[in-house]
Protein backbone atom coordinates (compact mmCIF):
# COMPACT_ATOMS: atom_id res chain seq x y z
CA UNK A 1 8.10 40.13 71.31
CA UNK A 2 10.50 42.30 69.67
CA UNK A 3 7.94 44.28 68.69
CA UNK A 4 7.40 45.22 72.66
CA UNK A 5 11.14 45.51 73.57
CA UNK A 6 11.58 48.01 70.86
CA UNK A 7 10.32 50.93 73.03
CA UNK A 8 11.24 50.23 75.92
CA UNK A 9 15.06 49.45 74.28
CA UNK A 10 14.95 52.75 73.19
CA UNK A 11 13.43 54.61 75.99
CA UNK A 12 16.38 53.20 78.04
CA UNK A 13 18.87 54.83 75.76
CA UNK A 14 17.13 57.75 75.16
CA UNK A 15 16.94 58.61 79.14
CA UNK A 16 20.38 57.67 78.98
CA UNK A 17 22.22 59.81 76.82
CA UNK A 18 19.12 62.54 77.82
CA UNK A 19 19.72 62.37 82.05
CA UNK A 20 23.91 60.36 82.51
CA UNK A 21 25.01 62.91 79.27
CA UNK A 22 23.01 65.62 78.12
CA UNK A 23 21.40 67.13 81.77
CA UNK A 24 25.25 66.54 83.55
CA UNK A 25 27.06 69.18 80.28
CA UNK A 26 24.02 71.71 80.46
CA UNK A 27 24.42 71.82 84.08
CA UNK A 28 28.54 71.81 84.21
CA UNK A 29 28.42 74.18 81.02
CA UNK A 30 25.74 76.99 82.91
CA UNK A 31 28.00 76.23 86.25
CA UNK A 32 31.01 77.54 84.38
CA UNK A 33 29.63 80.31 82.76
CA UNK A 34 27.54 81.93 85.91
CA UNK A 35 30.75 80.28 88.34
CA UNK A 36 33.16 80.31 86.80
CA UNK A 37 35.50 79.52 89.86
CA UNK A 38 33.24 77.95 92.02
CA UNK A 39 33.26 75.41 88.87
CA UNK A 40 36.80 74.63 88.69
CA UNK A 41 37.10 73.45 92.11
CA UNK A 42 37.35 77.91 93.81
CA UNK A 43 41.29 77.11 93.81
CA UNK A 44 42.89 79.43 95.06
CA UNK A 45 45.91 80.80 92.84
CA UNK A 46 49.40 83.32 94.04
CA UNK A 47 51.61 84.42 91.69
CA UNK A 48 49.98 81.76 89.15
CA UNK A 49 50.28 78.94 91.16
CA UNK A 50 47.41 76.74 92.71
CA UNK A 51 48.55 76.57 96.31
CA UNK A 52 45.25 75.35 97.66
CA UNK A 53 40.90 75.47 97.55
CA UNK A 54 38.81 77.42 99.51
CA UNK A 55 37.36 74.38 99.86
CA UNK A 56 39.28 71.91 101.30
CA UNK A 57 41.57 72.49 103.91
CA UNK A 58 44.96 72.00 104.33
CA UNK A 59 48.24 71.12 107.18
CA UNK A 60 49.22 74.17 108.98
CA UNK A 61 51.71 73.09 111.08
CA UNK A 62 54.05 75.94 111.98
CA UNK A 63 53.37 78.20 115.07
CA UNK A 64 53.32 81.16 112.04
CA UNK A 65 50.42 79.77 110.89
CA UNK A 66 46.36 79.48 111.99
CA UNK A 67 45.12 75.73 112.62
CA UNK A 68 42.88 75.05 110.79
CA UNK A 69 40.43 71.21 112.53
CA UNK A 70 41.37 67.95 112.59
CA UNK A 71 41.90 65.80 109.46
CA UNK A 72 40.63 62.39 110.46
CA UNK A 73 41.91 61.34 106.72
CA UNK A 74 44.04 58.20 106.42
CA UNK A 75 44.71 56.34 103.35
CA UNK A 76 45.73 53.04 102.79
CA UNK A 77 48.73 51.22 101.31
CA UNK A 78 49.29 47.57 99.49
CA UNK A 79 49.26 45.68 102.60
CA UNK A 80 46.47 47.66 103.60
CA UNK A 81 48.00 49.75 106.42
CA UNK A 82 46.22 52.65 107.30
CA UNK A 83 48.44 55.86 107.64
CA UNK A 84 47.79 59.37 108.05
CA UNK A 85 47.23 61.70 105.66
CA UNK A 86 44.53 64.91 106.81
CA UNK A 87 43.13 67.07 104.13
CA UNK A 88 44.07 64.08 101.33
CA UNK A 89 40.46 64.94 99.05
CA UNK A 90 41.60 62.14 97.04
CA UNK A 91 39.95 60.05 100.13
CA UNK A 92 37.32 61.94 101.80
CA UNK A 93 36.22 59.69 105.29
CA UNK A 94 35.63 60.80 109.26
CA UNK A 95 37.26 58.41 111.77
CA UNK A 96 33.90 56.37 112.62
CA UNK A 97 34.87 57.19 115.87
CA UNK A 98 32.27 57.59 118.28
CA UNK A 99 31.75 59.15 121.70
CA UNK A 100 32.95 56.00 123.94
CA UNK A 101 36.14 55.38 121.69
CA UNK A 102 39.34 55.68 124.69
CA UNK A 103 41.28 56.14 120.89
CA UNK A 104 39.24 59.08 120.69
CA UNK A 105 39.24 60.42 124.04
CA UNK A 106 42.99 59.99 124.50
CA UNK A 107 44.11 62.10 121.03
CA UNK A 108 41.42 64.91 121.61
CA UNK A 109 42.78 64.77 125.77
CA UNK A 110 46.38 64.86 123.57
CA UNK A 111 45.37 68.00 121.90
CA UNK A 112 43.93 69.67 124.69
CA UNK A 113 46.95 69.22 126.65
CA UNK A 114 49.41 70.59 123.56
CA UNK A 115 47.21 73.85 122.94
CA UNK A 116 47.32 73.97 126.79
CA UNK A 117 50.53 75.07 126.69
CA UNK A 118 50.36 77.86 124.19
CA UNK A 119 47.16 79.46 125.60
CA UNK A 120 45.05 78.24 129.23
CA UNK A 121 42.10 79.15 128.20
CA UNK A 122 39.51 76.59 127.15
CA UNK A 123 40.16 74.99 123.56
CA UNK A 124 37.42 75.69 121.31
CA UNK A 125 35.53 71.88 119.88
CA UNK A 126 35.97 72.21 116.48
CA UNK A 127 39.83 72.75 117.35
CA UNK A 128 40.20 69.06 118.66
CA UNK A 129 37.59 67.43 117.00
CA UNK A 130 37.70 66.77 112.77
CA UNK A 131 34.62 67.12 110.43
CA UNK A 132 32.81 63.82 109.33
CA UNK A 133 34.93 64.95 105.60
CA UNK A 134 38.25 65.85 107.40
CA UNK A 135 38.76 68.26 104.76
CA UNK A 136 37.25 71.22 107.04
CA UNK A 137 38.58 74.47 105.72
CA UNK A 138 36.67 76.90 108.26
CA UNK A 139 37.09 77.40 111.90
CA UNK A 140 35.06 78.98 114.06
CA UNK A 141 35.94 83.23 114.99
CA UNK A 142 36.41 82.22 118.15
CA UNK A 143 39.26 78.37 117.64
CA UNK A 144 41.17 81.68 115.12
CA UNK A 145 40.75 84.45 118.47
CA UNK A 146 42.83 80.78 120.69
CA UNK A 147 45.56 80.94 118.31
CA UNK A 148 46.11 84.63 117.76
CA UNK A 149 49.00 84.54 121.00
CA UNK A 150 50.87 82.10 119.44
CA UNK A 151 50.93 83.06 116.06
CA UNK A 152 51.91 86.43 116.76
CA UNK A 153 54.55 85.90 119.85
CA UNK A 154 55.79 83.70 115.92
CA UNK A 155 55.38 86.41 113.74
CA UNK A 156 56.64 89.24 116.76
CA UNK A 157 53.78 90.84 115.87
CA UNK A 158 50.97 92.84 118.02
CA UNK A 159 48.34 90.14 119.61
CA UNK A 160 46.03 93.65 118.74
CA UNK A 161 46.95 93.41 115.11
CA UNK A 162 46.81 90.15 114.59
CA UNK A 163 43.52 90.09 116.68
CA UNK A 164 42.18 93.14 114.23
CA UNK A 165 42.97 90.41 111.53
CA UNK A 166 40.75 87.82 112.77
CA UNK A 167 37.48 90.37 113.54
CA UNK A 168 38.26 91.06 109.60
CA UNK A 169 38.92 87.27 108.31
CA UNK A 170 35.07 86.39 109.56
CA UNK A 171 32.33 85.72 107.24
CA UNK A 172 28.62 85.04 108.36
CA UNK A 173 25.82 83.22 108.63
CA UNK A 174 24.61 82.85 104.54
CA UNK A 175 22.01 84.92 104.55
CA UNK A 176 22.08 85.62 107.64
CA UNK A 177 20.57 82.36 109.13
CA UNK A 178 22.27 79.45 107.40
CA UNK A 179 25.23 78.06 109.14
CA UNK A 180 27.54 79.39 111.83
CA UNK A 181 30.12 82.34 111.65
CA UNK A 182 33.42 81.03 110.05
CA UNK A 183 37.02 81.86 109.47
CA UNK A 184 38.82 79.66 106.24
CA UNK A 185 41.70 79.52 107.22
CA UNK A 186 44.16 79.43 104.13
CA UNK A 187 42.45 83.19 103.43
CA UNK A 188 43.49 83.60 107.05
CA UNK A 189 47.01 83.07 106.68
CA UNK A 190 47.50 84.67 103.23
CA UNK A 191 45.80 87.62 104.53
CA UNK A 192 48.67 86.96 107.76
CA UNK A 193 51.45 86.52 104.92
CA UNK A 194 50.91 89.64 103.72
CA UNK A 195 51.35 91.55 107.15
CA UNK A 196 54.96 93.34 107.23
């Protein structure tokens, strides 16, 4: 009986080492050679210090900066109490609130009312809804344009200058057909900080 089990055991060990160790290390090695920045998390550095990742949204709250999408991420403490923990990449998740959830409707209505104080135009939907991961680093060009007035006023800049910056920050569809045009909020805010 052991003679029949021996080939199966050897095959399991061999395939486990091959697919669980050798293949992932080979893919990581090739990724680090071909795409070193991406393989390391697309980290963004400023003055030698890591300030974020171009793949993970951040909580910009000052009127001087463009704001990203709402983050639905919460964390739980030892007593299992949930508290908001925006953009914590270690607990990526959506809210799981459906379109009939009163809590979601109330939060969206409050966000829309708050945003209408600064701009009476229609509020872009991506500014009041979260993505499935809760970590979306991008907003639509419309969401960025909606915030131009607030940012320009807070910084004492000409709105046309800020609009030009937004227009230069728009990234198109991948290969011209995949996804939607988008603006990376961290990159846009970094460019904004260079304007005097």
